Amino acid sequence: MPKAPTPSAKAQADQTLPASYEEAVQELEQLLAKLESGQLPLDQLLTHYQRGASLLAFCRERLTAIENQISVLDEGTLKPWDGA
């Protein structure tokens, strides 16, 4: 049976999310570099993976919100740009 994450691992994964999409992407890139290094102990791998999953969900939500706003604008007042 898998061992449950330690309270410190869960606490780190539940940290507050970044203020912006760009900050989340930057933190994701840093986490990915650490994960790919192969130098982290197993418990830190889990913690970093959980944090990355939270950041990824945050980024997806932000992108969806922006896409929805663009759709509203496209249907309303904006006209297609013809590039001329």
C-alpha atoms as a PDB file:
ATOM      1  CA  MET A   1       0.000   0.000   0.000  1.00  0.00           C
ATOM      2  CA  PRO A   2       1.482   3.420  -0.964  1.00  0.00           C
ATOM      3  CA  LYS A   3       2.522   5.664   1.858  1.00  0.00           C
ATOM      4  CA  ALA A   4       0.542   8.893   2.190  1.00  0.00           C
ATOM      5  CA  PRO A   5       2.498  12.104   1.608  1.00  0.00           C
ATOM      6  CA  THR A   6       3.999  13.686   4.664  1.00  0.00           C
ATOM      7  CA  PRO A   7       2.262  16.781   6.023  1.00  0.00           C
ATOM      8  CA  SER A   8       5.155  18.947   4.823  1.00  0.00           C
ATOM      9  CA  ALA A   9       4.815  17.551   1.287  1.00  0.00           C
ATOM     10  CA  LYS A  10       1.090  18.232   1.275  1.00  0.00           C
ATOM     11  CA  ALA A  11       1.604  21.722   2.681  1.00  0.00           C
ATOM     12  CA  GLN A  12       4.113  22.597  -0.035  1.00  0.00           C
ATOM     13  CA  ALA A  13       1.810  21.260  -2.774  1.00  0.00           C
ATOM     14  CA  ASP A  14      -1.040  23.396  -1.392  1.00  0.00           C
ATOM     15  CA  GLN A  15       0.983  26.633  -1.325  1.00  0.00           C
ATOM     16  CA  THR A  16      -0.768  29.677  -2.610  1.00  0.00           C
ATOM     17  CA  LEU A  17      -0.732  29.953  -6.355  1.00  0.00           C
ATOM     18  CA  PRO A  18       1.279  32.616  -8.185  1.00  0.00           C
ATOM     19  CA  ALA A  19      -0.244  35.999  -8.914  1.00  0.00           C
ATOM     20  CA  SER A  20       0.062  35.572 -12.661  1.00  0.00           C
ATOM     21  CA  TYR A  21       0.214  33.032 -15.454  1.00  0.00           C
ATOM     22  CA  GLU A  22       3.789  34.073 -16.229  1.00  0.00           C
ATOM     23  CA  GLU A  23       4.920  33.450 -12.648  1.00  0.00           C
ATOM     24  CA  ALA A  24       3.280  30.015 -12.713  1.00  0.00           C
ATOM     25  CA  VAL A  25       5.034  29.103 -15.965  1.00  0.00           C
ATOM     26  CA  GLN A  26       8.373  30.254 -14.580  1.00  0.00           C
ATOM     27  CA  GLU A  27       7.921  28.148 -11.444  1.00  0.00           C
ATOM     28  CA  LEU A  28       6.838  25.168 -13.570  1.00  0.00           C
ATOM     29  CA  GLU A  29      10.016  25.483 -15.636  1.00  0.00           C
ATOM     30  CA  GLN A  30      12.124  25.516 -12.467  1.00  0.00           C
ATOM     31  CA  LEU A  31      10.307  22.469 -11.086  1.00  0.00           C
ATOM     32  CA  LEU A  32      10.734  20.614 -14.354  1.00  0.00           C
ATOM     33  CA  ALA A  33      14.474  21.261 -14.346  1.00  0.00           C
ATOM     34  CA  LYS A  34      14.713  19.875 -10.814  1.00  0.00           C
ATOM     35  CA  LEU A  35      12.625  16.818 -11.698  1.00  0.00           C
ATOM     36  CA  GLU A  36      14.646  16.114 -14.835  1.00  0.00           C
ATOM     37  CA  SER A  37      17.950  16.420 -12.964  1.00  0.00           C
ATOM     38  CA  GLY A  38      17.398  13.043 -11.344  1.00  0.00           C
ATOM     39  CA  GLN A  39      19.041  14.310  -8.159  1.00  0.00           C
ATOM     40  CA  LEU A  40      15.972  14.666  -5.917  1.00  0.00           C
ATOM     41  CA  PRO A  41      15.085  12.197  -3.180  1.00  0.00           C
ATOM     42  CA  LEU A  42      11.819  10.314  -3.690  1.00  0.00           C
ATOM     43  CA  ASP A  43       9.811  12.350  -1.170  1.00  0.00           C
ATOM     44  CA  GLN A  44      10.881  15.590  -2.848  1.00  0.00           C
ATOM     45  CA  LEU A  45       9.942  14.162  -6.253  1.00  0.00           C
ATOM     46  CA  LEU A  46       6.404  13.630  -5.023  1.00  0.00           C
ATOM     47  CA  THR A  47       6.228  17.105  -3.494  1.00  0.00           C
ATOM     48  CA  HIS A  48       7.525  18.771  -6.653  1.00  0.00           C
ATOM     49  CA  TYR A  49       5.182  16.711  -8.825  1.00  0.00           C
ATOM     50  CA  GLN A  50       2.186  17.729  -6.706  1.00  0.00           C
ATOM     51  CA  ARG A  51       3.176  21.393  -6.866  1.00  0.00           C
ATOM     52  CA  GLY A  52       3.623  21.125 -10.624  1.00  0.00           C
ATOM     53  CA  ALA A  53       0.166  19.588 -10.996  1.00  0.00           C
ATOM     54  CA  SER A  54      -1.329  22.500  -9.033  1.00  0.00           C
ATOM     55  CA  LEU A  55       0.523  25.041 -11.167  1.00  0.00           C
ATOM     56  CA  LEU A  56      -0.510  23.293 -14.371  1.00  0.00           C
ATOM     57  CA  ALA A  57      -4.173  23.362 -13.321  1.00  0.00           C
ATOM     58  CA  PHE A  58      -3.817  27.074 -12.510  1.00  0.00           C
ATOM     59  CA  CYS A  59      -2.316  27.781 -15.947  1.00  0.00           C
ATOM     60  CA  ARG A  60      -5.035  25.825 -17.740  1.00  0.00           C
ATOM     61  CA  GLU A  61      -7.744  27.712 -15.833  1.00  0.00           C
ATOM     62  CA  ARG A  62      -6.165  31.067 -16.700  1.00  0.00           C
ATOM     63  CA  LEU A  63      -5.883  30.143 -20.390  1.00  0.00           C
ATOM     64  CA  THR A  64      -9.508  29.011 -20.481  1.00  0.00           C
ATOM     65  CA  ALA A  65     -10.640  32.254 -18.837  1.00  0.00           C
ATOM     66  CA  ILE A  66      -8.721  34.340 -21.380  1.00  0.00           C
ATOM     67  CA  GLU A  67     -10.060  32.255 -24.284  1.00  0.00           C
ATOM     68  CA  ASN A  68     -13.600  32.831 -22.984  1.00  0.00           C
ATOM     69  CA  GLN A  69     -13.014  36.580 -22.756  1.00  0.00           C
ATOM     70  CA  ILE A  70     -11.665  36.649 -26.311  1.00  0.00           C
ATOM     71  CA  SER A  71     -14.694  34.712 -27.548  1.00  0.00           C
ATOM     72  CA  VAL A  72     -17.033  37.241 -25.940  1.00  0.00           C
ATOM     73  CA  LEU A  73     -15.144  40.101 -27.542  1.00  0.00           C
ATOM     74  CA  ASP A  74     -15.091  38.384 -30.944  1.00  0.00           C
ATOM     75  CA  GLU A  75     -18.860  37.892 -30.814  1.00  0.00           C
ATOM     76  CA  GLY A  76     -19.462  41.452 -29.682  1.00  0.00           C
ATOM     77  CA  THR A  77     -17.670  44.589 -30.648  1.00  0.00           C
ATOM     78  CA  LEU A  78     -14.461  43.457 -32.322  1.00  0.00           C
ATOM     79  CA  LYS A  79     -14.246  42.957 -36.064  1.00  0.00           C
ATOM     80  CA  PRO A  80     -11.739  40.626 -37.748  1.00  0.00           C
ATOM     81  CA  TRP A  81      -8.500  42.325 -38.680  1.00  0.00           C
ATOM     82  CA  ASP A  82      -7.773  42.015 -42.403  1.00  0.00           C
ATOM     83  CA  GLY A  83      -4.080  42.919 -42.105  1.00  0.00           C
ATOM     84  CA  ALA A  84      -4.301  45.782 -44.631  1.00  0.00           C
END
